[in-house]
Protein backbone atom coordinates (compact mmCIF):
# COMPACT_ATOMS: atom_id res chain seq x y z
CA UNK A 1 18.69 20.08 32.46
CA UNK A 2 22.06 18.38 30.98
CA UNK A 3 24.00 18.08 34.30
CA UNK A 4 23.46 15.54 36.97
CA UNK A 5 24.75 17.98 39.52
CA UNK A 6 21.41 19.54 38.98
CA UNK A 7 19.64 16.09 38.72
CA UNK A 8 20.88 14.36 41.69
CA UNK A 9 19.62 16.98 44.67
CA UNK A 10 16.12 16.11 43.02
CA UNK A 11 16.22 12.67 43.42
CA UNK A 12 17.96 12.95 47.01
CA UNK A 13 15.04 15.04 47.97
CA UNK A 14 12.57 12.62 46.35
CA UNK A 15 14.09 9.67 48.49
CA UNK A 16 13.55 11.05 51.52
CA UNK A 17 10.21 12.85 51.42
CA UNK A 18 9.06 8.90 50.27
CA UNK A 19 11.30 8.32 53.48
CA UNK A 20 9.20 10.26 55.59
CA UNK A 21 5.81 9.43 54.25
CA UNK A 22 6.04 5.79 53.85
CA UNK A 23 5.56 3.11 56.26
CA UNK A 24 6.72 -0.34 56.60
CA UNK A 25 5.18 -3.29 58.15
CA UNK A 26 7.75 -6.52 59.58
CA UNK A 27 6.36 -9.32 61.62
CA UNK A 28 8.76 -11.88 63.01
CA UNK A 29 11.31 -14.02 61.74
CA UNK A 30 8.86 -16.36 60.81
CA UNK A 31 6.04 -13.86 59.41
CA UNK A 32 8.00 -10.82 57.38
CA UNK A 33 5.30 -9.04 55.56
CA UNK A 34 7.31 -7.35 52.80
CA UNK A 35 6.99 -4.89 49.92
CA UNK A 36 9.67 -4.89 47.01
CA UNK A 37 8.44 -2.19 45.53
CA UNK A 38 8.83 0.03 48.47
CA UNK A 39 11.73 -1.32 49.99
CA UNK A 40 13.79 -1.13 46.81
CA UNK A 41 12.98 2.89 47.22
CA UNK A 42 13.72 2.91 50.91
CA UNK A 43 17.06 1.27 50.21
CA UNK A 44 18.04 4.37 47.52
CA UNK A 45 16.71 6.74 50.58
CA UNK A 46 18.50 5.44 52.72
CA UNK A 47 21.96 5.70 51.09
CA UNK A 48 21.62 9.22 51.38
CA UNK A 49 22.16 9.06 55.18
CA UNK A 50 25.74 7.92 55.10
CA UNK A 51 28.26 9.79 52.91
CA UNK A 52 30.03 6.69 52.12
CA UNK A 53 26.45 5.17 50.90
CA UNK A 54 25.51 8.30 48.95
CA UNK A 55 28.77 8.42 47.11
CA UNK A 56 28.44 4.67 45.80
CA UNK A 57 24.89 5.65 45.15
CA UNK A 58 25.62 8.74 43.09
CA UNK A 59 27.85 6.68 40.93
CA UNK A 60 25.24 4.49 40.24
CA UNK A 61 22.61 6.71 39.27
CA UNK A 62 24.93 8.90 37.53
CA UNK A 63 25.83 6.43 35.34
CA UNK A 64 22.12 5.13 35.28
CA UNK A 65 21.66 9.14 33.91
CA UNK A 66 24.67 8.94 31.33
CA UNK A 67 22.89 6.62 29.58
CA UNK A 68 19.27 8.03 29.48
CA UNK A 69 20.88 11.18 28.56
CA UNK A 70 22.92 8.93 25.15
CA UNK A 71 20.00 6.87 24.62
CA UNK A 72 17.09 8.50 25.52
CA UNK A 73 15.36 5.93 27.27
CA UNK A 74 16.29 3.75 30.47
CA UNK A 75 14.38 0.24 31.81
CA UNK A 76 14.76 -2.03 34.79
CA UNK A 77 16.67 -4.15 32.76
CA UNK A 78 19.46 -1.14 31.48
CA UNK A 79 19.43 -0.13 35.05
CA UNK A 80 20.41 -3.26 36.64
CA UNK A 81 23.49 -3.96 33.72
CA UNK A 82 24.45 -0.45 34.47
CA UNK A 83 24.53 -0.54 38.17
CA UNK A 84 24.44 -3.87 39.51
CA UNK A 85 22.10 -2.48 41.96
CA UNK A 86 20.44 -5.32 44.02
CA UNK A 87 16.57 -4.92 44.51
CA UNK A 88 16.68 -2.24 41.71
CA UNK A 89 12.87 -3.26 40.22
CA UNK A 90 11.73 -0.09 41.34
CA UNK A 91 14.90 2.34 40.48
CA UNK A 92 13.19 3.35 37.17
CA UNK A 93 10.10 4.17 38.40
CA UNK A 94 11.47 6.05 41.23
CA UNK A 95 13.22 7.47 38.66
CA UNK A 96 10.04 8.32 36.37
CA UNK A 97 8.26 9.90 39.36
CA UNK A 98 11.19 12.07 41.08
CA UNK A 99 11.46 13.57 37.95
CA UNK A 100 8.27 13.10 36.20
CA UNK A 101 9.69 11.67 33.02
CA UNK A 102 7.31 10.37 30.87
CA UNK A 103 6.68 6.35 30.96
CA UNK A 104 5.90 3.67 28.46
CA UNK A 105 4.11 1.36 30.58
CA UNK A 106 4.20 -1.46 28.18
CA UNK A 107 7.59 -1.66 28.33
CA UNK A 108 8.37 -0.59 31.74
CA UNK A 109 10.69 1.87 30.49
CA UNK A 110 11.28 6.13 31.16
CA UNK A 111 12.15 8.53 28.26
CA UNK A 112 13.98 11.64 28.20
CA UNK A 113 12.19 14.72 26.09
CA UNK A 114 14.41 16.99 24.27
CA UNK A 115 13.00 19.74 26.06
CA UNK A 116 13.37 18.17 29.45
CA UNK A 117 11.73 19.38 32.84
CA UNK A 118 10.49 17.88 35.86
CA UNK A 119 7.17 19.06 35.28
CA UNK A 120 6.40 17.35 32.21
CA UNK A 121 2.81 15.32 31.78
CA UNK A 122 3.18 11.74 32.79
CA UNK A 123 2.12 8.72 30.20
CA UNK A 124 0.90 6.56 32.82
CA UNK A 125 -0.96 2.95 32.87
CA UNK A 126 -4.12 4.52 33.20
CA UNK A 127 -4.13 7.23 30.53
CA UNK A 128 -3.47 6.65 26.80
CA UNK A 129 -1.00 9.08 25.10
CA UNK A 130 -2.75 12.27 24.30
CA UNK A 131 -3.13 12.69 20.43
CA UNK A 132 -2.65 16.42 19.03
CA UNK A 133 -6.04 17.28 19.37
CA UNK A 134 -6.06 16.30 22.78
CA UNK A 135 -8.32 13.42 22.33
CA UNK A 136 -7.55 9.62 23.31
CA UNK A 137 -6.64 7.20 20.57
CA UNK A 138 -6.60 3.29 19.96
CA UNK A 139 -3.74 1.55 20.05
CA UNK A 140 -2.26 0.15 16.83
CA UNK A 141 -1.21 -3.45 16.62
CA UNK A 142 2.61 -2.79 15.66
CA UNK A 143 5.31 -1.33 18.16
CA UNK A 144 6.98 2.00 17.91
CA UNK A 145 10.12 1.12 19.44
CA UNK A 146 12.91 -1.72 18.44
CA UNK A 147 15.04 -3.52 20.78
CA UNK A 148 19.08 -3.06 20.05
CA UNK A 149 19.95 -6.98 20.01
CA UNK A 150 23.41 -7.49 21.77
CA UNK A 151 26.74 -6.17 20.11
CA UNK A 152 26.05 -2.62 18.95
CA UNK A 153 25.58 -1.64 15.41
CA UNK A 154 28.97 -3.16 14.18
CA UNK A 155 28.45 -6.52 15.80
CA UNK A 156 24.58 -7.22 16.50
CA UNK A 157 23.97 -8.73 12.91
CA UNK A 158 27.04 -11.50 13.78
CA UNK A 159 25.74 -11.94 17.09
CA UNK A 160 21.90 -12.60 15.94
CA UNK A 161 23.29 -14.75 13.31
CA UNK A 162 25.00 -17.13 15.82
CA UNK A 163 21.95 -16.92 18.05
CA UNK A 164 19.42 -17.79 15.09
CA UNK A 165 21.91 -20.95 13.97
CA UNK A 166 21.71 -21.88 17.73
CA UNK A 167 18.05 -21.83 17.77
CA UNK A 168 17.60 -23.78 14.13
CA UNK A 169 19.72 -26.58 15.24
CA UNK A 170 18.95 -27.13 19.16
CA UNK A 171 14.80 -26.01 18.95
CA UNK A 172 15.90 -25.09 22.72
CA UNK A 173 13.31 -24.21 25.65
CA UNK A 174 13.13 -20.68 26.45
CA UNK A 175 15.49 -21.33 29.86
CA UNK A 176 18.08 -23.01 27.42
CA UNK A 177 17.80 -20.18 24.83
CA UNK A 178 18.38 -17.39 27.65
CA UNK A 179 20.96 -18.97 29.00
CA UNK A 180 23.13 -19.42 25.89
CA UNK A 181 22.42 -15.75 24.59
CA UNK A 182 23.87 -14.96 28.03
CA UNK A 183 26.99 -16.80 28.04
CA UNK A 184 27.80 -16.57 24.14
CA UNK A 185 26.47 -12.72 23.67
CA UNK A 186 26.99 -9.14 25.77
CA UNK A 187 23.63 -9.31 26.74
CA UNK A 188 24.19 -8.63 30.63
CA UNK A 189 20.70 -9.63 32.07
CA UNK A 190 17.84 -12.39 31.29
CA UNK A 191 15.01 -9.61 31.38
CA UNK A 192 16.89 -7.87 28.65
CA UNK A 193 17.36 -11.33 26.67
CA UNK A 194 13.74 -12.01 27.14
CA UNK A 195 12.47 -8.49 25.77
CA UNK A 196 14.88 -9.24 22.84
CA UNK A 197 13.15 -12.61 22.16
CA UNK A 198 9.88 -10.91 22.01
CA UNK A 199 10.95 -8.50 19.04
CA UNK A 200 12.74 -11.32 17.59
CA UNK A 201 8.93 -12.99 17.56
CA UNK A 202 7.30 -9.67 16.03
CA UNK A 203 9.91 -9.07 13.46
CA UNK A 204 9.07 -12.69 12.29
CA UNK A 205 12.80 -14.41 12.54
CA UNK A 206 11.71 -16.46 15.70
CA UNK A 207 8.77 -18.15 16.73
CA UNK A 208 7.92 -19.78 20.12
CA UNK A 209 6.24 -23.39 20.84
CA UNK A 210 4.88 -24.50 23.64
CA UNK A 211 8.44 -26.52 23.99
CA UNK A 212 10.59 -23.80 23.41
CA UNK A 213 11.76 -21.52 20.11
CA UNK A 214 12.23 -22.10 16.73
CA UNK A 215 13.38 -20.10 13.52
CA UNK A 216 10.84 -18.83 10.93
CA UNK A 217 11.64 -18.96 7.11
CA UNK A 218 13.31 -15.83 7.48
CA UNK A 219 15.27 -16.38 10.21
CA UNK A 220 16.35 -19.54 8.52
CA UNK A 221 17.37 -17.89 5.83
CA UNK A 222 19.41 -14.94 7.65
CA UNK A 223 21.77 -17.64 9.06
CA UNK A 224 21.90 -20.10 6.33
CA UNK A 225 22.07 -17.91 3.38
CA UNK A 226 24.07 -15.15 5.34
CA UNK A 227 21.44 -12.60 4.18
CA UNK A 228 20.12 -10.27 7.06
CA UNK A 229 18.27 -8.08 4.39
CA UNK A 230 15.67 -10.34 4.90
CA UNK A 231 14.86 -8.72 8.09
CA UNK A 232 13.75 -5.18 7.03
CA UNK A 233 10.13 -6.64 6.09
CA UNK A 234 9.66 -7.62 9.28
CA UNK A 235 11.27 -4.28 10.53
CA UNK A 236 9.14 -2.52 8.54
CA UNK A 237 5.49 -3.82 9.36
CA UNK A 238 6.17 -4.90 12.83
CA UNK A 239 7.61 -1.58 13.93
CA UNK A 240 6.37 2.12 12.89
CA UNK A 241 8.56 4.53 11.72
CA UNK A 242 10.96 2.66 9.23
CA UNK A 243 9.47 3.39 5.97
CA UNK A 244 9.11 7.11 6.99
CA UNK A 245 12.82 7.26 7.67
CA UNK A 246 13.64 5.22 4.34
CA UNK A 247 11.35 8.58 2.64
CA UNK A 248 12.42 11.32 4.75
CA UNK A 249 16.62 10.71 4.13
CA UNK A 250 16.28 10.56 0.18
CA UNK A 251 13.94 14.23 0.69
CA UNK A 252 16.69 16.15 2.26
CA UNK A 253 16.08 15.30 6.19
CA UNK A 254 19.68 13.37 7.16
CA UNK A 255 20.17 14.26 10.59
CA UNK A 256 18.74 12.71 13.68
CA UNK A 257 16.59 15.70 14.36
CA UNK A 258 15.35 16.26 11.15
CA UNK A 259 14.50 12.60 10.85
CA UNK A 260 12.84 12.92 14.30
CA UNK A 261 11.29 15.99 13.70
CA UNK A 262 9.51 13.84 10.50
CA UNK A 263 8.55 11.12 12.71
CA UNK A 264 6.63 12.87 15.12
CA UNK A 265 4.88 14.69 12.03
CA UNK A 266 4.12 11.05 10.86
CA UNK A 267 3.18 9.85 14.66
CA UNK A 268 2.04 12.86 16.87
CA UNK A 269 0.42 10.57 19.28
CA UNK A 270 4.11 9.61 20.45
CA UNK A 271 7.25 11.67 22.00
CA UNK A 272 9.57 10.07 20.17
CA UNK A 273 12.99 10.91 22.06
CA UNK A 274 16.26 10.38 20.19
CA UNK A 275 16.65 7.41 21.46
CA UNK A 276 14.03 5.72 19.36
CA UNK A 277 14.54 7.32 16.30
CA UNK A 278 18.32 6.22 16.78
CA UNK A 279 17.42 2.88 17.75
CA UNK A 280 15.71 2.63 14.41
CA UNK A 281 18.61 4.15 12.63
CA UNK A 282 20.81 1.80 14.48
CA UNK A 283 19.45 -1.41 12.67
CA UNK A 284 19.20 0.40 9.27
CA UNK A 285 22.96 1.11 9.74
CA UNK A 286 23.54 -2.63 11.08
CA UNK A 287 21.50 -4.27 8.12
CA UNK A 288 24.18 -1.83 5.68
CA UNK A 289 20.95 0.33 4.43
CA UNK A 290 21.93 3.58 5.40
CA UNK A 291 25.17 5.08 5.88
CA UNK A 292 26.43 8.42 8.33
CA UNK A 293 29.03 10.34 8.03
CA UNK A 294 29.50 13.17 10.77
CA UNK A 295 26.31 12.76 12.06
CA UNK A 296 24.88 12.64 8.22
CA UNK A 297 22.27 10.21 7.01
CA UNK A 298 22.25 8.78 3.43
CA UNK A 299 20.66 5.37 1.62
CA UNK A 300 23.08 4.45 -1.38
CA UNK A 301 20.15 3.60 -3.62
CA UNK A 302 18.35 6.84 -2.87
CA UNK A 303 18.82 7.92 -6.33
CA UNK A 304 18.14 4.93 -8.44
CA UNK A 305 22.08 3.44 -7.84
CA UNK A 306 22.39 -0.16 -7.86
CA UNK A 307 25.42 -2.38 -8.28
CA UNK A 308 25.18 -5.34 -10.54
CA UNK A 309 25.34 -9.00 -8.93
CA UNK A 310 24.09 -7.30 -5.32
CA UNK A 311 21.45 -8.23 -3.82
CA UNK A 312 18.79 -5.98 -2.53
CA UNK A 313 15.50 -5.99 0.23
CA UNK A 314 12.93 -5.28 -2.75
CA UNK A 315 10.83 -4.04 0.38
CA UNK A 316 13.07 -1.79 1.03
CA UNK A 317 13.67 -0.72 -2.34
CA UNK A 318 9.87 0.42 -2.68
CA UNK A 319 9.80 2.20 0.53
CA UNK A 320 12.45 4.29 -0.38
CA UNK A 321 11.97 5.15 -4.05
CA UNK A 322 8.33 3.70 -4.30
CA UNK A 323 6.64 2.12 -6.95
CA UNK A 324 4.22 -0.58 -7.38
CA UNK A 325 5.58 -3.25 -4.58
CA UNK A 326 3.06 -6.06 -6.08
CA UNK A 327 3.83 -5.99 -9.87
CA UNK A 328 5.97 -6.98 -12.11
CA UNK A 329 6.60 -3.73 -13.19
CA UNK A 330 7.03 -0.75 -11.17
CA UNK A 331 6.70 2.79 -11.92
CA UNK A 332 8.24 5.03 -8.92
CA UNK A 333 6.70 8.36 -9.10
CA UNK A 334 9.39 10.49 -8.16
CA UNK A 335 12.35 9.49 -10.64
CA UNK A 336 12.66 8.24 -14.17
CA UNK A 337 13.06 5.05 -13.53
CA UNK A 338 11.31 1.80 -14.19
CA UNK A 339 11.78 -1.63 -11.95
CA UNK A 340 10.72 -4.38 -13.53
CA UNK A 341 11.22 -7.84 -11.87
CA UNK A 342 11.51 -11.04 -12.96
CA UNK A 343 11.62 -15.42 -11.43
CA UNK A 344 10.25 -18.51 -12.05
CA UNK A 345 7.26 -17.74 -9.64
CA UNK A 346 6.33 -15.84 -12.74
CA UNK A 347 5.13 -19.02 -14.45
CA UNK A 348 2.17 -19.60 -12.65
CA UNK A 349 0.79 -16.36 -14.36
CA UNK A 350 1.36 -17.50 -17.85
CA UNK A 351 5.01 -15.20 -17.70
CA UNK A 352 7.67 -16.94 -19.84
CA UNK A 353 10.94 -14.82 -19.26
CA UNK A 354 14.56 -16.19 -20.68
CA UNK A 355 18.02 -14.59 -21.72
CA UNK A 356 18.78 -14.99 -25.25
CA UNK A 357 22.21 -14.66 -27.26
CA UNK A 358 24.36 -11.82 -26.43
CA UNK A 359 22.92 -11.15 -22.97
CA UNK A 360 19.73 -9.91 -24.25
CA UNK A 361 16.70 -10.71 -22.45
CA UNK A 362 13.21 -11.81 -23.44
CA UNK A 363 10.54 -10.14 -20.69
CA UNK A 364 7.02 -10.81 -20.75
CA UNK A 365 4.27 -7.71 -20.09
CA UNK A 366 2.37 -7.30 -17.52
CA UNK A 367 -1.12 -8.69 -17.16
CA UNK A 368 -2.19 -12.19 -15.75
CA UNK A 369 -5.77 -12.58 -17.27
CA UNK A 370 -6.68 -12.54 -21.14
CA UNK A 371 -4.68 -10.63 -23.76
CA UNK A 372 -2.68 -8.06 -22.58
CA UNK A 373 -2.92 -4.65 -23.62
CA UNK A 374 -0.26 -1.69 -24.27
CA UNK A 375 -0.96 0.65 -21.33
CA UNK A 376 0.44 1.00 -17.47
CA UNK A 377 3.68 -0.86 -17.50
CA UNK A 378 3.93 -2.20 -20.59
CA UNK A 379 3.77 1.20 -22.60
CA UNK A 380 6.11 2.60 -20.33
CA UNK A 381 8.42 -0.46 -21.24
CA UNK A 382 7.81 0.69 -24.67
CA UNK A 383 8.27 4.21 -24.98
CA UNK A 384 10.69 4.34 -21.78
CA UNK A 385 12.90 6.47 -24.47
CA UNK A 386 10.92 9.12 -25.22
CA UNK A 387 10.18 9.53 -21.57
CA UNK A 388 13.63 9.87 -20.19
CA UNK A 389 13.23 6.67 -18.47
CA UNK A 390 15.29 4.17 -17.69
CA UNK A 391 14.79 0.20 -17.34
CA UNK A 392 16.32 -1.78 -14.24
CA UNK A 393 15.97 -5.52 -14.08
CA UNK A 394 15.96 -7.32 -10.94
CA UNK A 395 15.69 -11.35 -10.67
CA UNK A 396 13.67 -12.94 -7.68
CA UNK A 397 15.47 -14.96 -5.42
CA UNK A 398 14.25 -17.89 -3.31
CA UNK A 399 14.50 -15.82 -0.23
CA UNK A 400 12.30 -13.77 0.63
CA UNK A 401 11.38 -10.18 -0.72
CA UNK A 402 15.13 -10.62 -1.78
CA UNK A 403 16.31 -9.27 -5.90
CA UNK A 404 19.28 -9.52 -7.43
CA UNK A 405 20.56 -6.50 -9.73
CA UNK A 406 20.66 -7.96 -13.11
CA UNK A 407 21.35 -4.01 -14.36
CA UNK A 408 20.25 -1.80 -16.70
CA UNK A 409 18.38 -2.48 -20.05
CA UNK A 410 17.09 -0.75 -23.08
CA UNK A 411 14.12 -1.85 -25.05
CA UNK A 412 14.71 -3.13 -28.47
CA UNK A 413 11.44 -4.47 -29.77
CA UNK A 414 8.59 -6.44 -29.25
CA UNK A 415 6.45 -8.96 -30.08
CA UNK A 416 3.08 -10.91 -29.56
CA UNK A 417 3.16 -14.55 -28.27
CA UNK A 418 0.18 -17.32 -27.55
CA UNK A 419 1.22 -18.06 -23.60
CA UNK A 420 -1.09 -19.40 -21.30
CA UNK A 421 -2.67 -17.10 -18.50
CA UNK A 422 -3.13 -17.76 -14.87
CA UNK A 423 -5.95 -19.83 -15.50
CA UNK A 424 -3.89 -21.34 -18.42
CA UNK A 425 -6.07 -20.39 -20.78
CA UNK A 426 -4.12 -19.13 -24.16
CA UNK A 427 -4.12 -15.54 -24.70
CA UNK A 428 -1.63 -12.76 -26.23
CA UNK A 429 1.17 -11.74 -24.61
CA UNK A 430 3.52 -8.78 -25.10
CA UNK A 431 7.34 -10.22 -24.90
CA UNK A 432 9.85 -7.41 -25.13
CA UNK A 433 13.05 -7.44 -26.05
CA UNK A 434 15.80 -6.04 -24.09
CA UNK A 435 19.37 -4.97 -24.38
CA UNK A 436 22.02 -4.31 -21.40
CA UNK A 437 22.77 -0.97 -21.59
CA UNK A 438 26.53 -0.17 -22.27
CA UNK A 439 29.93 -1.82 -22.70
CA UNK A 440 33.05 -0.75 -24.27
CA UNK A 441 34.17 -0.63 -27.76
CA UNK A 442 37.97 -1.49 -28.96
CA UNK A 443 39.01 -0.90 -32.82
CA UNK A 444 41.54 -2.48 -35.01
CA UNK A 445 43.18 -1.46 -37.57
CA UNK A 446 42.15 -2.60 -41.36
CA UNK A 447 39.34 -5.15 -41.16
CA UNK A 448 37.02 -7.52 -39.08
CA UNK A 449 36.91 -9.75 -36.24
CA UNK A 450 36.10 -12.35 -38.56
CA UNK A 451 39.55 -11.26 -40.25
CA UNK A 452 41.54 -12.00 -37.65
CA UNK A 453 43.77 -15.43 -36.97
CA UNK A 454 42.34 -17.07 -33.84
CA UNK A 455 45.44 -16.02 -31.80
CA UNK A 456 45.06 -12.27 -32.83
CA UNK A 457 41.44 -12.65 -32.24
CA UNK A 458 41.60 -14.11 -29.03
CA UNK A 459 44.31 -11.50 -27.82
CA UNK A 460 42.20 -8.63 -29.13
CA UNK A 461 38.75 -9.97 -26.84
CA UNK A 462 41.04 -10.23 -23.72
CA UNK A 463 41.92 -6.41 -24.47
CA UNK A 464 38.69 -5.39 -24.35
CA UNK A 465 38.33 -7.30 -21.44
CA UNK A 466 37.27 -4.94 -17.67
CA UNK A 467 40.86 -5.86 -16.84
CA UNK A 468 42.37 -4.81 -20.09
CA UNK A 469 43.26 -1.62 -21.67
CA UNK A 470 40.59 -1.50 -24.49
CA UNK A 471 40.44 1.69 -26.13
CA UNK A 472 37.75 3.81 -27.36
CA UNK A 473 36.12 4.85 -30.68
CA UNK A 474 38.23 4.90 -33.74
CA UNK A 475 38.66 7.34 -36.35
CA UNK A 476 40.14 7.66 -40.23
CA UNK A 477 40.46 4.42 -41.23
CA UNK A 478 39.63 2.44 -37.97
CA UNK A 479 36.11 0.81 -37.35
CA UNK A 480 34.55 0.52 -34.08
CA UNK A 481 32.66 -2.78 -32.89
CA UNK A 482 31.33 -4.04 -29.40
CA UNK A 483 33.28 -6.02 -27.60
CA UNK A 484 31.05 -8.52 -27.67
CA UNK A 485 31.36 -9.33 -30.77
CA UNK A 486 35.08 -10.14 -30.37
CA UNK A 487 34.23 -12.47 -27.56
CA UNK A 488 31.58 -13.76 -29.65
CA UNK A 489 33.45 -14.70 -33.07
CA UNK A 490 36.10 -16.55 -30.94
CA UNK A 491 33.79 -19.18 -29.08
CA UNK A 492 32.19 -19.86 -32.83
CA UNK A 493 35.00 -19.96 -34.45
CA UNK A 494 36.72 -22.42 -31.71
CA UNK A 495 33.59 -24.14 -31.78
CA UNK A 496 33.57 -25.10 -35.29
CA UNK A 497 29.77 -26.10 -35.60
CA UNK A 498 30.13 -28.23 -32.95
CA UNK A 499 27.80 -27.59 -29.90
CA UNK A 500 30.72 -27.72 -27.12
CA UNK A 501 28.17 -29.29 -24.76
CA UNK A 502 26.54 -32.53 -26.48
CA UNK A 503 29.23 -32.68 -28.72
CA UNK A 504 27.18 -33.07 -31.85
CA UNK A 505 26.69 -30.72 -34.77
CA UNK A 506 24.72 -27.77 -35.13
CA UNK A 507 21.03 -28.27 -35.40
CA UNK A 508 20.99 -26.81 -38.37
CA UNK A 509 21.99 -23.63 -40.68
CA UNK A 510 21.05 -20.14 -40.22
CA UNK A 511 19.91 -17.66 -42.72
CA UNK A 512 24.23 -16.68 -42.90
CA UNK A 513 25.05 -19.46 -44.18
CA UNK A 514 26.61 -20.81 -40.98
CA UNK A 515 26.17 -23.31 -38.46
CA UNK A 516 23.61 -22.26 -35.39
CA UNK A 517 25.37 -22.33 -31.92
CA UNK A 518 24.56 -19.85 -29.28
CA UNK A 519 27.14 -17.84 -26.92
CA UNK A 520 26.78 -18.97 -23.25
CA UNK A 521 28.56 -16.77 -20.59
CA UNK A 522 30.12 -19.41 -17.95
CA UNK A 523 29.54 -16.46 -15.16
CA UNK A 524 26.83 -13.93 -17.11
CA UNK A 525 27.50 -10.71 -17.39
CA UNK A 526 24.55 -9.65 -14.64
CA UNK A 527 26.00 -11.65 -12.51
CA UNK A 528 29.54 -9.93 -12.40
CA UNK A 529 31.32 -11.99 -15.19
CA UNK A 530 33.54 -10.85 -17.62
CA UNK A 531 32.67 -10.20 -21.29
CA UNK A 532 36.18 -12.13 -21.69
CA UNK A 533 36.72 -15.37 -24.37
CA UNK A 534 37.73 -17.45 -21.21
CA UNK A 535 34.24 -16.72 -19.94
CA UNK A 536 32.24 -17.63 -23.23
CA UNK A 537 31.44 -21.12 -25.02
CA UNK A 538 29.49 -21.99 -27.52
CA UNK A 539 26.35 -24.65 -27.44
CA UNK A 540 23.35 -25.59 -29.35
CA UNK A 541 19.84 -24.10 -28.03
CA UNK A 542 19.22 -27.65 -26.52
CA UNK A 543 22.11 -27.39 -24.28
CA UNK A 544 22.00 -23.88 -23.90
CA UNK A 545 18.42 -24.35 -22.11
CA UNK A 546 19.44 -27.61 -20.46
CA UNK A 547 22.26 -24.94 -18.38
CA UNK A 548 19.99 -22.69 -17.44
CA UNK A 549 16.62 -24.47 -16.87
CA UNK A 550 17.97 -27.93 -16.24
CA UNK A 551 17.58 -29.71 -12.88
CA UNK A 552 21.19 -30.37 -13.39
CA UNK A 553 22.21 -26.95 -15.05
CA UNK A 554 25.09 -26.10 -12.36
CA UNK A 555 26.19 -29.11 -12.73
CA UNK A 556 26.81 -28.75 -16.83
CA UNK A 557 28.24 -25.68 -16.27
CA UNK A 558 31.19 -26.72 -14.09
CA UNK A 559 31.47 -29.33 -16.98
CA UNK A 560 31.54 -26.42 -19.53
CA UNK A 561 33.95 -24.49 -17.52
CA UNK A 562 36.54 -27.14 -17.52
CA UNK A 563 35.84 -27.96 -21.42
CA UNK A 564 36.56 -24.31 -21.60
CA UNK A 565 39.65 -24.32 -19.59
CA UNK A 566 41.43 -26.83 -21.74
CA UNK A 567 40.48 -25.03 -24.99
CA UNK A 568 42.01 -21.51 -23.24
CA UNK A 569 45.32 -23.30 -22.88
CA UNK A 570 46.32 -23.29 -26.28
CA UNK A 571 46.19 -19.14 -26.26
CA UNK A 572 47.00 -18.22 -22.74
């Protein structure tokens, strides 16, 4: 039944039936016995008696019906926003009874089944939704529906960010917060706002106090660090269905009907009209976790594709690609990928990871207690080539479950060092040396990087930068060198054996007979920095550690940038 022309006569007839059988008791002016619910239905039924009222009422109900068809659900506050009808408290119950629509009694909303028939079985306050075998089921602590918040798919994140900022700065009472939202967002009714506030509490962005509202840690991160992705964990843990959607889309279920089918299989006790499924997908679109084109949904990371320097929700990564959520080395079962995660928190468990010269990375294997063993994740790292798997390195941030992608790496070697375990006891620990995968090559005629003059070396290194026009592997009398060798040679040669951080001579002479200094990228390659002579400087090991581990590391790096700028002026 898609046409409102079919629906309207049913509503009129049902209203007239109620008018005939319901009675209303009114006393004198000082003692009026009043039943709001019945009077609301009476109001709607009386609109059928006069043509001018009938036309107005039909437009209101048709507007509400259009919204119900579009989203698959409707509640009292939405009805009021759409129609501005007075005394609409009984409008939705009336609609549910007149058309025998499924009712979510907890949230006071009706749903439009895909195969709509006025004979549908009702779900009322006194009955539980039947399970697939006909038996009743207990309610779970999670919810099945989301709230849209305000602003649509494109603007809701912006309005939510502003709302969280207001709460953070003012810790308003409920009344003040509702008024602020009504004045500063497209919200149309206080009831809708209250429902959205409850939803934001359930996904751990807000918390209520006896005095009012305040933001949670995730709520602070959302607006202060402009990182909406922190919301995904709350959605996935508080609202059923998000994990199933994350798995369904990569499996080939890409239309709303296919996704709805998978959710109904996962939750047979719920009717799950398209409106409910659409609201899940709308949130994923708003957070830019899924995309939609011509009604087909996709997930950018579903093939294991990541952008260096971009931030991702680790919770969502595992929902889409699987793998151990709480381990430092995760091995998704269905794709030839290995995810490794690094961060300062690992030191608590005896892990000590660090970047080495040439943007190589020293990664501590897995195992928190006792000697590490060469199995599970450790074995996967060592044998990734022969297993046809690629290693992807992520760095934890100070934001809950948010990680930065540092790039694809490959195993070079490993060693065994003595490190403390989580109980501070010494143990044998594997430390894997990993090298970044890829890198362009450039060629020079008749010589090596060290044979070039300073100006020639700078020019060749610039040629190999991403914005330059670097060549491919050579032939004949030409030799190819990784571009980093030219950049590295430039940094070391211009330093002339003196640390550019502290100004002291190199601490020792290497086995090659040259002063030992390390090449530091002012903006790391893994953060999107170029492998460019303007972006490197030579440091002693102590200054290099100061930059990455020191309390004043960022300020120190700014000083190094200025020194590099003055040096580069000689060659630009």
